């Protein structure tokens, strides 16, 4: 079964937030987050997909999620790109 690790982003009060997770269906999971049925920390915000990566197994996806959660520089770069695209 193919799994994916993904990074979501949103702009909130002049700061950019990111969320990292894993799933077997990125589009469905993004819709769940935006519908308020995702993780508690994502509720009440409009999220966009910043990054996704296909993984060979659930175990690999969970490992990549762990690493991406700790890679603040990578997530900050993605969020900065979101912020730059949102502001004219």
C-alpha atoms as a PDB file:
ATOM      1  CA  UNK A   1       0.000   0.000   0.000  1.00  0.00           C
ATOM      2  CA  UNK A   2       1.335   3.412  -0.938  1.00  0.00           C
ATOM      3  CA  UNK A   3       1.371   6.002   1.800  1.00  0.00           C
ATOM      4  CA  UNK A   4       2.248   9.664   1.713  1.00  0.00           C
ATOM      5  CA  UNK A   5       3.750  12.159   4.084  1.00  0.00           C
ATOM      6  CA  UNK A   6       2.462  15.694   3.650  1.00  0.00           C
ATOM      7  CA  UNK A   7       2.976  19.236   4.884  1.00  0.00           C
ATOM      8  CA  UNK A   8       0.049  21.645   5.124  1.00  0.00           C
ATOM      9  CA  UNK A   9       0.299  25.382   5.564  1.00  0.00           C
ATOM     10  CA  UNK A  10      -1.905  28.274   6.596  1.00  0.00           C
ATOM     11  CA  UNK A  11      -1.548  31.967   7.373  1.00  0.00           C
ATOM     12  CA  UNK A  12      -2.804  33.087  10.767  1.00  0.00           C
ATOM     13  CA  UNK A  13      -2.350  36.576  12.238  1.00  0.00           C
ATOM     14  CA  UNK A  14       0.807  37.481  10.323  1.00  0.00           C
ATOM     15  CA  UNK A  15       2.453  34.140  11.033  1.00  0.00           C
ATOM     16  CA  UNK A  16       2.643  30.993   9.019  1.00  0.00           C
ATOM     17  CA  UNK A  17       1.767  27.638  10.498  1.00  0.00           C
ATOM     18  CA  UNK A  18       2.583  24.193   9.183  1.00  0.00           C
ATOM     19  CA  UNK A  19       1.254  20.742   9.954  1.00  0.00           C
ATOM     20  CA  UNK A  20       2.949  17.455   9.061  1.00  0.00           C
ATOM     21  CA  UNK A  21       1.091  14.152   8.760  1.00  0.00           C
ATOM     22  CA  UNK A  22       0.880  10.918   6.827  1.00  0.00           C
ATOM     23  CA  UNK A  23      -1.982   9.221   4.988  1.00  0.00           C
ATOM     24  CA  UNK A  24      -2.853   6.868   2.146  1.00  0.00           C
ATOM     25  CA  UNK A  25      -4.992   9.553   0.403  1.00  0.00           C
ATOM     26  CA  UNK A  26      -3.672  13.126   0.499  1.00  0.00           C
ATOM     27  CA  UNK A  27      -6.728  14.780  -1.122  1.00  0.00           C
ATOM     28  CA  UNK A  28      -9.143  13.102   1.305  1.00  0.00           C
ATOM     29  CA  UNK A  29      -6.980  13.997   4.293  1.00  0.00           C
ATOM     30  CA  UNK A  30      -6.698  17.654   3.243  1.00  0.00           C
ATOM     31  CA  UNK A  31     -10.490  17.797   2.880  1.00  0.00           C
ATOM     32  CA  UNK A  32     -10.848  16.328   6.389  1.00  0.00           C
ATOM     33  CA  UNK A  33      -8.503  18.943   7.863  1.00  0.00           C
ATOM     34  CA  UNK A  34     -10.395  21.768   6.154  1.00  0.00           C
ATOM     35  CA  UNK A  35     -13.742  20.334   7.289  1.00  0.00           C
ATOM     36  CA  UNK A  36     -12.636  20.407  10.926  1.00  0.00           C
ATOM     37  CA  UNK A  37     -12.334  16.618  11.173  1.00  0.00           C
ATOM     38  CA  UNK A  38      -8.550  16.464  11.187  1.00  0.00           C
ATOM     39  CA  UNK A  39      -6.181  16.845  14.087  1.00  0.00           C
ATOM     40  CA  UNK A  40      -7.322  19.210  16.812  1.00  0.00           C
ATOM     41  CA  UNK A  41      -4.487  21.654  16.061  1.00  0.00           C
ATOM     42  CA  UNK A  42      -5.702  22.077  12.465  1.00  0.00           C
ATOM     43  CA  UNK A  43      -9.346  22.872  13.228  1.00  0.00           C
ATOM     44  CA  UNK A  44     -10.773  26.255  12.348  1.00  0.00           C
ATOM     45  CA  UNK A  45      -8.177  27.133   9.708  1.00  0.00           C
ATOM     46  CA  UNK A  46      -8.032  26.923   5.914  1.00  0.00           C
ATOM     47  CA  UNK A  47      -5.096  24.679   4.970  1.00  0.00           C
ATOM     48  CA  UNK A  48      -3.311  24.256   1.651  1.00  0.00           C
ATOM     49  CA  UNK A  49      -1.001  21.447   0.609  1.00  0.00           C
ATOM     50  CA  UNK A  50       2.597  22.653   0.573  1.00  0.00           C
ATOM     51  CA  UNK A  51       4.398  19.352   0.037  1.00  0.00           C
ATOM     52  CA  UNK A  52       3.722  15.642  -0.340  1.00  0.00           C
ATOM     53  CA  UNK A  53       6.046  12.706  -0.732  1.00  0.00           C
ATOM     54  CA  UNK A  54       5.157   9.156  -1.733  1.00  0.00           C
ATOM     55  CA  UNK A  55       6.468   6.439   0.572  1.00  0.00           C
ATOM     56  CA  UNK A  56       6.705   2.710  -0.037  1.00  0.00           C
ATOM     57  CA  UNK A  57       5.106   1.688   3.258  1.00  0.00           C
ATOM     58  CA  UNK A  58       3.257   2.959   6.291  1.00  0.00           C
ATOM     59  CA  UNK A  59       6.403   2.502   8.357  1.00  0.00           C
ATOM     60  CA  UNK A  60       8.467   4.637   5.969  1.00  0.00           C
ATOM     61  CA  UNK A  61       5.753   7.347   5.890  1.00  0.00           C
ATOM     62  CA  UNK A  62       5.664   7.476   9.687  1.00  0.00           C
ATOM     63  CA  UNK A  63       9.452   7.720   9.811  1.00  0.00           C
ATOM     64  CA  UNK A  64       9.490  10.565   7.257  1.00  0.00           C
ATOM     65  CA  UNK A  65       6.745  12.339   9.216  1.00  0.00           C
ATOM     66  CA  UNK A  66       8.911  12.156  12.351  1.00  0.00           C
ATOM     67  CA  UNK A  67      11.892  13.618  10.485  1.00  0.00           C
ATOM     68  CA  UNK A  68       9.920  16.381   8.750  1.00  0.00           C
ATOM     69  CA  UNK A  69       8.354  17.462  12.039  1.00  0.00           C
ATOM     70  CA  UNK A  70      11.865  18.094  13.324  1.00  0.00           C
ATOM     71  CA  UNK A  71      13.122  19.806  10.152  1.00  0.00           C
ATOM     72  CA  UNK A  72      12.005  23.335  11.012  1.00  0.00           C
ATOM     73  CA  UNK A  73      14.147  24.919   8.306  1.00  0.00           C
ATOM     74  CA  UNK A  74      12.408  22.882   5.594  1.00  0.00           C
ATOM     75  CA  UNK A  75       8.934  23.695   6.915  1.00  0.00           C
ATOM     76  CA  UNK A  76       9.829  27.359   7.377  1.00  0.00           C
ATOM     77  CA  UNK A  77      10.963  27.529   3.738  1.00  0.00           C
ATOM     78  CA  UNK A  78       7.677  26.022   2.570  1.00  0.00           C
ATOM     79  CA  UNK A  79       5.689  28.426   4.752  1.00  0.00           C
ATOM     80  CA  UNK A  80       7.720  31.390   3.524  1.00  0.00           C
ATOM     81  CA  UNK A  81       6.895  30.451  -0.062  1.00  0.00           C
ATOM     82  CA  UNK A  82       3.193  30.294   0.899  1.00  0.00           C
ATOM     83  CA  UNK A  83       3.404  33.720   2.539  1.00  0.00           C
ATOM     84  CA  UNK A  84       5.195  35.242  -0.476  1.00  0.00           C
ATOM     85  CA  UNK A  85       2.584  33.843  -2.882  1.00  0.00           C
ATOM     86  CA  UNK A  86      -0.306  35.100  -0.747  1.00  0.00           C
ATOM     87  CA  UNK A  87       0.925  38.693  -0.479  1.00  0.00           C
ATOM     88  CA  UNK A  88       1.066  40.913  -3.582  1.00  0.00           C
END
